[in-house]
Amino acid sequence: MSLTADDVKKIAHLARLGIDSQDIDSYAKDLSGMLDLMTQMSELDTNNVEPMAHPMDQAQRLRTDVVTEHNNREKFQSIAPQVEAGLYLVPKVIE
């Protein structure tokens, strides 16, 4: 699919993008190339291809779920300017 300069201008307007008039031809060429690639990809037979969660198809390494920090809530709240019922109180900023 080949895009014209008018197509690029319309796309830029719809996307609210400002582009220089000297760059319109290069944008048209690049966008046309992308659309051609999408057309080629849509013509591929993918019936026997298994879906993958990741292109590398590797198992994710996970760390063990263990507590690494102690509960310092009381210590942190002891130096806070205002605390009530375990919550930090902050000044009202919206009327």
PDB file of N, CA and C in Angstrom:
ATOM      1  N   MET A   1       0.839  -1.169   0.000  1.00  0.00           N
ATOM      2  CA  MET A   1       0.000   0.000   0.000  1.00  0.00           C
ATOM      3  C   MET A   1       0.883   1.231   0.000  1.00  0.00           C
ATOM      4  N   SER A   2       0.602   2.139  -0.872  1.00  0.00           N
ATOM      5  CA  SER A   2       1.412   3.343  -0.986  1.00  0.00           C
ATOM      6  C   SER A   2       0.605   4.549  -0.522  1.00  0.00           C
ATOM      7  N   LEU A   3       1.142   5.266   0.441  1.00  0.00           N
ATOM      8  CA  LEU A   3       0.484   6.464   0.950  1.00  0.00           C
ATOM      9  C   LEU A   3       0.947   7.693   0.183  1.00  0.00           C
ATOM     10  N   THR A   4       0.038   8.638  -0.014  1.00  0.00           N
ATOM     11  CA  THR A   4       0.373   9.895  -0.678  1.00  0.00           C
ATOM     12  C   THR A   4       0.668  10.950   0.381  1.00  0.00           C
ATOM     13  N   ALA A   5       1.145  12.089  -0.081  1.00  0.00           N
ATOM     14  CA  ALA A   5       1.423  13.196   0.829  1.00  0.00           C
ATOM     15  C   ALA A   5       0.141  13.661   1.507  1.00  0.00           C
ATOM     16  N   ASP A   6      -0.966  13.638   0.782  1.00  0.00           N
ATOM     17  CA  ASP A   6      -2.242  14.034   1.381  1.00  0.00           C
ATOM     18  C   ASP A   6      -2.665  13.063   2.480  1.00  0.00           C
ATOM     19  N   ASP A   7      -2.400  11.759   2.269  1.00  0.00           N
ATOM     20  CA  ASP A   7      -2.713  10.768   3.300  1.00  0.00           C
ATOM     21  C   ASP A   7      -1.919  11.042   4.576  1.00  0.00           C
ATOM     22  N   VAL A   8      -0.652  11.362   4.408  1.00  0.00           N
ATOM     23  CA  VAL A   8       0.212  11.634   5.561  1.00  0.00           C
ATOM     24  C   VAL A   8      -0.263  12.884   6.285  1.00  0.00           C
ATOM     25  N   LYS A   9      -0.639  13.911   5.536  1.00  0.00           N
ATOM     26  CA  LYS A   9      -1.147  15.143   6.158  1.00  0.00           C
ATOM     27  C   LYS A   9      -2.422  14.863   6.948  1.00  0.00           C
ATOM     28  N   LYS A  10      -3.293  14.036   6.392  1.00  0.00           N
ATOM     29  CA  LYS A  10      -4.551  13.708   7.070  1.00  0.00           C
ATOM     30  C   LYS A  10      -4.280  12.898   8.335  1.00  0.00           C
ATOM     31  N   ILE A  11      -3.375  11.930   8.250  1.00  0.00           N
ATOM     32  CA  ILE A  11      -3.023  11.120   9.418  1.00  0.00           C
ATOM     33  C   ILE A  11      -2.412  12.001  10.505  1.00  0.00           C
ATOM     34  N   ALA A  12      -1.527  12.908  10.106  1.00  0.00           N
ATOM     35  CA  ALA A  12      -0.896  13.811  11.073  1.00  0.00           C
ATOM     36  C   ALA A  12      -1.944  14.702  11.729  1.00  0.00           C
ATOM     37  N   HIS A  13      -2.907  15.165  10.951  1.00  0.00           N
ATOM     38  CA  HIS A  13      -3.954  16.009  11.510  1.00  0.00           C
ATOM     39  C   HIS A  13      -4.809  15.223  12.502  1.00  0.00           C
ATOM     40  N   LEU A  14      -5.197  14.002  12.148  1.00  0.00           N
ATOM     41  CA  LEU A  14      -6.011  13.178  13.034  1.00  0.00           C
ATOM     42  C   LEU A  14      -5.273  12.835  14.328  1.00  0.00           C
ATOM     43  N   ALA A  15      -3.959  12.649  14.231  1.00  0.00           N
ATOM     44  CA  ALA A  15      -3.147  12.320  15.401  1.00  0.00           C
ATOM     45  C   ALA A  15      -2.682  13.575  16.134  1.00  0.00           C
ATOM     46  N   ARG A  16      -3.053  14.731  15.611  1.00  0.00           N
ATOM     47  CA  ARG A  16      -2.663  16.022  16.185  1.00  0.00           C
ATOM     48  C   ARG A  16      -1.140  16.149  16.285  1.00  0.00           C
ATOM     49  N   LEU A  17      -0.481  15.758  15.184  1.00  0.00           N
ATOM     50  CA  LEU A  17       0.968  15.849  15.099  1.00  0.00           C
ATOM     51  C   LEU A  17       1.347  16.963  14.141  1.00  0.00           C
ATOM     52  N   GLY A  18       2.320  17.727  14.517  1.00  0.00           N
ATOM     53  CA  GLY A  18       2.845  18.740  13.613  1.00  0.00           C
ATOM     54  C   GLY A  18       4.073  18.193  12.909  1.00  0.00           C
ATOM     55  N   ILE A  19       4.035  18.163  11.593  1.00  0.00           N
ATOM     56  CA  ILE A  19       5.200  17.680  10.838  1.00  0.00           C
ATOM     57  C   ILE A  19       5.597  18.746   9.829  1.00  0.00           C
ATOM     58  N   ASP A  20       6.876  18.813   9.546  1.00  0.00           N
ATOM     59  CA  ASP A  20       7.385  19.758   8.561  1.00  0.00           C
ATOM     60  C   ASP A  20       7.033  19.289   7.163  1.00  0.00           C
ATOM     61  N   SER A  21       6.745  20.245   6.292  1.00  0.00           N
ATOM     62  CA  SER A  21       6.356  19.888   4.927  1.00  0.00           C
ATOM     63  C   SER A  21       7.488  19.192   4.175  1.00  0.00           C
ATOM     64  N   GLN A  22       8.724  19.462   4.547  1.00  0.00           N
ATOM     65  CA  GLN A  22       9.849  18.812   3.859  1.00  0.00           C
ATOM     66  C   GLN A  22      10.006  17.346   4.268  1.00  0.00           C
ATOM     67  N   ASP A  23       9.380  16.949   5.401  1.00  0.00           N
ATOM     68  CA  ASP A  23       9.493  15.568   5.870  1.00  0.00           C
ATOM     69  C   ASP A  23       8.346  14.684   5.411  1.00  0.00           C
ATOM     70  N   ILE A  24       7.347  15.245   4.758  1.00  0.00           N
ATOM     71  CA  ILE A  24       6.152  14.484   4.401  1.00  0.00           C
ATOM     72  C   ILE A  24       6.479  13.311   3.487  1.00  0.00           C
ATOM     73  N   ASP A  25       7.352  13.517   2.508  1.00  0.00           N
ATOM     74  CA  ASP A  25       7.691  12.420   1.584  1.00  0.00           C
ATOM     75  C   ASP A  25       8.377  11.262   2.303  1.00  0.00           C
ATOM     76  N   SER A  26       9.279  11.578   3.241  1.00  0.00           N
ATOM     77  CA  SER A  26       9.960  10.493   3.957  1.00  0.00           C
ATOM     78  C   SER A  26       8.983   9.770   4.881  1.00  0.00           C
ATOM     79  N   TYR A  27       8.041  10.516   5.484  1.00  0.00           N
ATOM     80  CA  TYR A  27       7.017   9.868   6.305  1.00  0.00           C
ATOM     81  C   TYR A  27       6.139   8.955   5.447  1.00  0.00           C
ATOM     82  N   ALA A  28       5.774   9.423   4.270  1.00  0.00           N
ATOM     83  CA  ALA A  28       4.939   8.612   3.377  1.00  0.00           C
ATOM     84  C   ALA A  28       5.661   7.320   3.006  1.00  0.00           C
ATOM     85  N   LYS A  29       6.950   7.421   2.722  1.00  0.00           N
ATOM     86  CA  LYS A  29       7.732   6.232   2.357  1.00  0.00           C
ATOM     87  C   LYS A  29       7.827   5.270   3.537  1.00  0.00           C
ATOM     88  N   ASP A  30       8.123   5.805   4.731  1.00  0.00           N
ATOM     89  CA  ASP A  30       8.265   4.948   5.913  1.00  0.00           C
ATOM     90  C   ASP A  30       6.945   4.284   6.290  1.00  0.00           C
ATOM     91  N   LEU A  31       5.866   5.068   6.300  1.00  0.00           N
ATOM     92  CA  LEU A  31       4.567   4.496   6.654  1.00  0.00           C
ATOM     93  C   LEU A  31       4.108   3.468   5.624  1.00  0.00           C
ATOM     94  N   SER A  32       4.375   3.729   4.352  1.00  0.00           N
ATOM     95  CA  SER A  32       4.019   2.761   3.308  1.00  0.00           C
ATOM     96  C   SER A  32       4.782   1.459   3.503  1.00  0.00           C
ATOM     97  N   GLY A  33       6.049   1.564   3.873  1.00  0.00           N
ATOM     98  CA  GLY A  33       6.853   0.371   4.144  1.00  0.00           C
ATOM     99  C   GLY A  33       6.298  -0.432   5.307  1.00  0.00           C
ATOM    100  N   MET A  34       5.850   0.259   6.354  1.00  0.00           N
ATOM    101  CA  MET A  34       5.266  -0.442   7.504  1.00  0.00           C
ATOM    102  C   MET A  34       3.960  -1.138   7.111  1.00  0.00           C
ATOM    103  N   LEU A  35       3.144  -0.455   6.354  1.00  0.00           N
ATOM    104  CA  LEU A  35       1.883  -1.065   5.921  1.00  0.00           C
ATOM    105  C   LEU A  35       2.131  -2.258   5.006  1.00  0.00           C
ATOM    106  N   ASP A  36       3.137  -2.168   4.144  1.00  0.00           N
ATOM    107  CA  ASP A  36       3.493  -3.313   3.293  1.00  0.00           C
ATOM    108  C   ASP A  36       3.936  -4.504   4.136  1.00  0.00           C
ATOM    109  N   LEU A  37       4.721  -4.227   5.181  1.00  0.00           N
ATOM    110  CA  LEU A  37       5.164  -5.298   6.069  1.00  0.00           C
ATOM    111  C   LEU A  37       3.969  -5.948   6.764  1.00  0.00           C
ATOM    112  N   MET A  38       3.015  -5.139   7.226  1.00  0.00           N
ATOM    113  CA  MET A  38       1.811  -5.694   7.866  1.00  0.00           C
ATOM    114  C   MET A  38       1.005  -6.543   6.881  1.00  0.00           C
ATOM    115  N   THR A  39       0.950  -6.113   5.637  1.00  0.00           N
ATOM    116  CA  THR A  39       0.244  -6.891   4.617  1.00  0.00           C
ATOM    117  C   THR A  39       0.925  -8.236   4.402  1.00  0.00           C
ATOM    118  N   GLN A  40       2.256  -8.234   4.326  1.00  0.00           N
ATOM    119  CA  GLN A  40       3.002  -9.487   4.167  1.00  0.00           C
ATOM    120  C   GLN A  40       2.782 -10.400   5.367  1.00  0.00           C
ATOM    121  N   MET A  41       2.789  -9.837   6.559  1.00  0.00           N
ATOM    122  CA  MET A  41       2.622 -10.648   7.765  1.00  0.00           C
ATOM    123  C   MET A  41       1.216 -11.232   7.847  1.00  0.00           C
ATOM    124  N   SER A  42       0.216 -10.491   7.381  1.00  0.00           N
ATOM    125  CA  SER A  42      -1.150 -11.007   7.451  1.00  0.00           C
ATOM    126  C   SER A  42      -1.375 -12.139   6.453  1.00  0.00           C
ATOM    127  N   GLU A  43      -0.547 -12.249   5.429  1.00  0.00           N
ATOM    128  CA  GLU A  43      -0.679 -13.310   4.441  1.00  0.00           C
ATOM    129  C   GLU A  43      -0.009 -14.612   4.874  1.00  0.00           C
ATOM    130  N   LEU A  44       0.751 -14.596   5.961  1.00  0.00           N
ATOM    131  CA  LEU A  44       1.442 -15.793   6.432  1.00  0.00           C
ATOM    132  C   LEU A  44       0.460 -16.790   7.026  1.00  0.00           C
ATOM    133  N   ASP A  45       0.755 -18.063   6.827  1.00  0.00           N
ATOM    134  CA  ASP A  45      -0.063 -19.127   7.398  1.00  0.00           C
ATOM    135  C   ASP A  45       0.450 -19.415   8.805  1.00  0.00           C
ATOM    136  N   THR A  46      -0.339 -19.088   9.812  1.00  0.00           N
ATOM    137  CA  THR A  46       0.060 -19.289  11.206  1.00  0.00           C
ATOM    138  C   THR A  46      -0.809 -20.325  11.911  1.00  0.00           C
ATOM    139  N   ASN A  47      -1.456 -21.194  11.152  1.00  0.00           N
ATOM    140  CA  ASN A  47      -2.359 -22.177  11.747  1.00  0.00           C
ATOM    141  C   ASN A  47      -1.648 -23.154  12.667  1.00  0.00           C
ATOM    142  N   ASN A  48      -0.429 -23.549  12.350  1.00  0.00           N
ATOM    143  CA  ASN A  48       0.297 -24.535  13.154  1.00  0.00           C
ATOM    144  C   ASN A  48       1.307 -23.897  14.099  1.00  0.00           C
ATOM    145  N   VAL A  49       1.197 -22.615  14.330  1.00  0.00           N
ATOM    146  CA  VAL A  49       2.129 -21.913  15.218  1.00  0.00           C
ATOM    147  C   VAL A  49       1.479 -21.762  16.584  1.00  0.00           C
ATOM    148  N   GLU A  50       2.158 -22.254  17.611  1.00  0.00           N
ATOM    149  CA  GLU A  50       1.641 -22.151  18.972  1.00  0.00           C
ATOM    150  C   GLU A  50       1.840 -20.722  19.489  1.00  0.00           C
ATOM    151  N   PRO A  51       0.831 -20.172  20.155  1.00  0.00           N
ATOM    152  CA  PRO A  51       1.001 -18.833  20.735  1.00  0.00           C
ATOM    153  C   PRO A  51       2.038 -18.854  21.849  1.00  0.00           C
ATOM    154  N   MET A  52       2.792 -17.789  21.952  1.00  0.00           N
ATOM    155  CA  MET A  52       3.833 -17.686  22.970  1.00  0.00           C
ATOM    156  C   MET A  52       3.601 -16.428  23.801  1.00  0.00           C
ATOM    157  N   ALA A  53       3.951 -16.500  25.062  1.00  0.00           N
ATOM    158  CA  ALA A  53       3.829 -15.335  25.932  1.00  0.00           C
ATOM    159  C   ALA A  53       5.000 -14.392  25.727  1.00  0.00           C
ATOM    160  N   HIS A  54       6.113 -14.928  25.251  1.00  0.00           N
ATOM    161  CA  HIS A  54       7.324 -14.125  25.068  1.00  0.00           C
ATOM    162  C   HIS A  54       8.076 -14.685  23.876  1.00  0.00           C
ATOM    163  N   PRO A  55       8.682 -13.842  23.042  1.00  0.00           N
ATOM    164  CA  PRO A  55       9.362 -14.360  21.856  1.00  0.00           C
ATOM    165  C   PRO A  55      10.545 -15.278  22.163  1.00  0.00           C
ATOM    166  N   MET A  56      11.140 -15.134  23.331  1.00  0.00           N
ATOM    167  CA  MET A  56      12.264 -16.003  23.684  1.00  0.00           C
ATOM    168  C   MET A  56      11.777 -17.343  24.209  1.00  0.00           C
ATOM    169  N   ASP A  57      10.500 -17.431  24.614  1.00  0.00           N
ATOM    170  CA  ASP A  57       9.886 -18.662  25.099  1.00  0.00           C
ATOM    171  C   ASP A  57      10.726 -19.323  26.189  1.00  0.00           C
ATOM    172  N   GLN A  58      11.131 -18.522  27.167  1.00  0.00           N
ATOM    173  CA  GLN A  58      11.920 -19.031  28.279  1.00  0.00           C
ATOM    174  C   GLN A  58      11.104 -18.929  29.559  1.00  0.00           C
ATOM    175  N   ALA A  59      11.416 -19.779  30.500  1.00  0.00           N
ATOM    176  CA  ALA A  59      10.764 -19.713  31.799  1.00  0.00           C
ATOM    177  C   ALA A  59      11.321 -18.533  32.576  1.00  0.00           C
ATOM    178  N   GLN A  60      10.446 -17.856  33.295  1.00  0.00           N
ATOM    179  CA  GLN A  60      10.873 -16.701  34.077  1.00  0.00           C
ATOM    180  C   GLN A  60      11.514 -17.168  35.371  1.00  0.00           C
ATOM    181  N   ARG A  61      12.660 -16.588  35.675  1.00  0.00           N
ATOM    182  CA  ARG A  61      13.315 -16.895  36.935  1.00  0.00           C
ATOM    183  C   ARG A  61      12.640 -16.079  38.024  1.00  0.00           C
ATOM    184  N   LEU A  62      12.135 -16.734  39.025  1.00  0.00           N
ATOM    185  CA  LEU A  62      11.460 -16.055  40.119  1.00  0.00           C
ATOM    186  C   LEU A  62      12.242 -16.248  41.401  1.00  0.00           C
ATOM    187  N   ARG A  63      12.282 -15.205  42.195  1.00  0.00           N
ATOM    188  CA  ARG A  63      12.931 -15.337  43.498  1.00  0.00           C
ATOM    189  C   ARG A  63      11.944 -15.947  44.478  1.00  0.00           C
ATOM    190  N   THR A  64      12.455 -16.490  45.540  1.00  0.00           N
ATOM    191  CA  THR A  64      11.574 -17.051  46.554  1.00  0.00           C
ATOM    192  C   THR A  64      10.848 -15.924  47.270  1.00  0.00           C
ATOM    193  N   ASP A  65       9.620 -16.166  47.651  1.00  0.00           N
ATOM    194  CA  ASP A  65       8.793 -15.154  48.289  1.00  0.00           C
ATOM    195  C   ASP A  65       9.026 -15.198  49.791  1.00  0.00           C
ATOM    196  N   VAL A  66      10.028 -14.446  50.228  1.00  0.00           N
ATOM    197  CA  VAL A  66      10.347 -14.393  51.654  1.00  0.00           C
ATOM    198  C   VAL A  66      10.399 -12.931  52.090  1.00  0.00           C
ATOM    199  N   VAL A  67      10.118 -12.696  53.360  1.00  0.00           N
ATOM    200  CA  VAL A  67      10.179 -11.353  53.927  1.00  0.00           C
ATOM    201  C   VAL A  67      11.639 -10.973  54.078  1.00  0.00           C
ATOM    202  N   THR A  68      12.014  -9.819  53.523  1.00  0.00           N
ATOM    203  CA  THR A  68      13.413  -9.382  53.602  1.00  0.00           C
ATOM    204  C   THR A  68      13.575  -8.140  54.466  1.00  0.00           C
ATOM    205  N   GLU A  69      12.460  -7.506  54.838  1.00  0.00           N
ATOM    206  CA  GLU A  69      12.519  -6.318  55.687  1.00  0.00           C
ATOM    207  C   GLU A  69      11.601  -6.502  56.877  1.00  0.00           C
ATOM    208  N   HIS A  70      11.965  -5.865  57.949  1.00  0.00           N
ATOM    209  CA  HIS A  70      11.141  -5.926  59.145  1.00  0.00           C
ATOM    210  C   HIS A  70      10.127  -4.792  59.113  1.00  0.00           C
ATOM    211  N   ASN A  71       9.062  -4.925  59.874  1.00  0.00           N
ATOM    212  CA  ASN A  71       8.033  -3.912  59.954  1.00  0.00           C
ATOM    213  C   ASN A  71       8.551  -2.728  60.772  1.00  0.00           C
ATOM    214  N   ASN A  72       8.844  -1.632  60.097  1.00  0.00           N
ATOM    215  CA  ASN A  72       9.353  -0.429  60.753  1.00  0.00           C
ATOM    216  C   ASN A  72       8.296   0.666  60.831  1.00  0.00           C
ATOM    217  N   ARG A  73       7.048   0.288  60.747  1.00  0.00           N
ATOM    218  CA  ARG A  73       5.971   1.274  60.715  1.00  0.00           C
ATOM    219  C   ARG A  73       5.972   2.174  61.952  1.00  0.00           C
ATOM    220  N   GLU A  74       6.095   1.589  63.121  1.00  0.00           N
ATOM    221  CA  GLU A  74       6.094   2.388  64.362  1.00  0.00           C
ATOM    222  C   GLU A  74       7.272   3.358  64.379  1.00  0.00           C
ATOM    223  N   LYS A  75       8.416   2.911  63.941  1.00  0.00           N
ATOM    224  CA  LYS A  75       9.611   3.765  63.920  1.00  0.00           C
ATOM    225  C   LYS A  75       9.408   4.947  62.972  1.00  0.00           C
ATOM    226  N   PHE A  76       8.868   4.672  61.762  1.00  0.00           N
ATOM    227  CA  PHE A  76       8.656   5.737  60.787  1.00  0.00           C
ATOM    228  C   PHE A  76       7.566   6.698  61.235  1.00  0.00           C
ATOM    229  N   GLN A  77       6.516   6.173  61.853  1.00  0.00           N
ATOM    230  CA  GLN A  77       5.438   7.040  62.284  1.00  0.00           C
ATOM    231  C   GLN A  77       5.808   7.852  63.519  1.00  0.00           C
ATOM    232  N   SER A  78       6.799   7.414  64.252  1.00  0.00           N
ATOM    233  CA  SER A  78       7.217   8.178  65.431  1.00  0.00           C
ATOM    234  C   SER A  78       7.872   9.498  65.042  1.00  0.00           C
ATOM    235  N   ILE A  79       8.425   9.583  63.847  1.00  0.00           N
ATOM    236  CA  ILE A  79       9.055  10.835  63.417  1.00  0.00           C
ATOM    237  C   ILE A  79       8.166  11.639  62.465  1.00  0.00           C
ATOM    238  N   ALA A  80       6.978  11.122  62.147  1.00  0.00           N
ATOM    239  CA  ALA A  80       6.058  11.835  61.254  1.00  0.00           C
ATOM    240  C   ALA A  80       5.418  12.997  62.000  1.00  0.00           C
ATOM    241  N   PRO A  81       5.127  14.099  61.304  1.00  0.00           N
ATOM    242  CA  PRO A  81       4.516  15.260  61.964  1.00  0.00           C
ATOM    243  C   PRO A  81       3.146  14.952  62.574  1.00  0.00           C
ATOM    244  N   GLN A  82       2.292  14.221  61.846  1.00  0.00           N
ATOM    245  CA  GLN A  82       0.968  13.892  62.366  1.00  0.00           C
ATOM    246  C   GLN A  82       0.579  12.475  61.953  1.00  0.00           C
ATOM    247  N   VAL A  83       0.120  11.712  62.925  1.00  0.00           N
ATOM    248  CA  VAL A  83      -0.319  10.346  62.685  1.00  0.00           C
ATOM    249  C   VAL A  83      -1.590  10.125  63.492  1.00  0.00           C
ATOM    250  N   GLU A  84      -2.530   9.411  62.893  1.00  0.00           N
ATOM    251  CA  GLU A  84      -3.756   9.073  63.622  1.00  0.00           C
ATOM    252  C   GLU A  84      -4.219   7.686  63.205  1.00  0.00           C
ATOM    253  N   ALA A  85      -4.407   6.816  64.151  1.00  0.00           N
ATOM    254  CA  ALA A  85      -4.884   5.448  63.921  1.00  0.00           C
ATOM    255  C   ALA A  85      -4.015   4.712  62.900  1.00  0.00           C
ATOM    256  N   GLY A  86      -2.720   4.921  62.959  1.00  0.00           N
ATOM    257  CA  GLY A  86      -1.803   4.228  62.061  1.00  0.00           C
ATOM    258  C   GLY A  86      -1.707   4.823  60.673  1.00  0.00           C
ATOM    259  N   LEU A  87      -2.329   5.984  60.452  1.00  0.00           N
ATOM    260  CA  LEU A  87      -2.292   6.641  59.146  1.00  0.00           C
ATOM    261  C   LEU A  87      -1.545   7.962  59.244  1.00  0.00           C
ATOM    262  N   TYR A  88      -0.852   8.331  58.177  1.00  0.00           N
ATOM    263  CA  TYR A  88      -0.194   9.618  58.113  1.00  0.00           C
ATOM    264  C   TYR A  88      -1.212  10.689  57.775  1.00  0.00           C
ATOM    265  N   LEU A  89      -1.198  11.790  58.496  1.00  0.00           N
ATOM    266  CA  LEU A  89      -2.092  12.902  58.195  1.00  0.00           C
ATOM    267  C   LEU A  89      -1.304  13.962  57.451  1.00  0.00           C
ATOM    268  N   VAL A  90      -1.900  14.453  56.381  1.00  0.00           N
ATOM    269  CA  VAL A  90      -1.238  15.475  55.555  1.00  0.00           C
ATOM    270  C   VAL A  90      -2.151  16.681  55.453  1.00  0.00           C
ATOM    271  N   PRO A  91      -1.589  17.858  55.179  1.00  0.00           N
ATOM    272  CA  PRO A  91      -2.418  19.050  55.049  1.00  0.00           C
ATOM    273  C   PRO A  91      -3.355  18.945  53.847  1.00  0.00           C
ATOM    274  N   LYS A  92      -4.515  19.555  53.974  1.00  0.00           N
ATOM    275  CA  LYS A  92      -5.480  19.565  52.896  1.00  0.00           C
ATOM    276  C   LYS A  92      -4.954  20.467  51.788  1.00  0.00           C
ATOM    277  N   VAL A  93      -4.924  19.958  50.537  1.00  0.00           N
ATOM    278  CA  VAL A  93      -4.382  20.742  49.420  1.00  0.00           C
ATOM    279  C   VAL A  93      -5.447  21.117  48.413  1.00  0.00           C
ATOM    280  N   ILE A  94      -6.617  20.499  48.474  1.00  0.00           N
ATOM    281  CA  ILE A  94      -7.704  20.813  47.538  1.00  0.00           C
ATOM    282  C   ILE A  94      -8.889  21.290  48.353  1.00  0.00           C
ATOM    283  N   GLU A  95      -9.420  22.434  47.982  1.00  0.00           N
ATOM    284  CA  GLU A  95     -10.581  23.005  48.694  1.00  0.00           C
ATOM    285  C   GLU A  95     -11.831  22.311  48.286  1.00  0.00           C
TER     286      GLU A  95
END
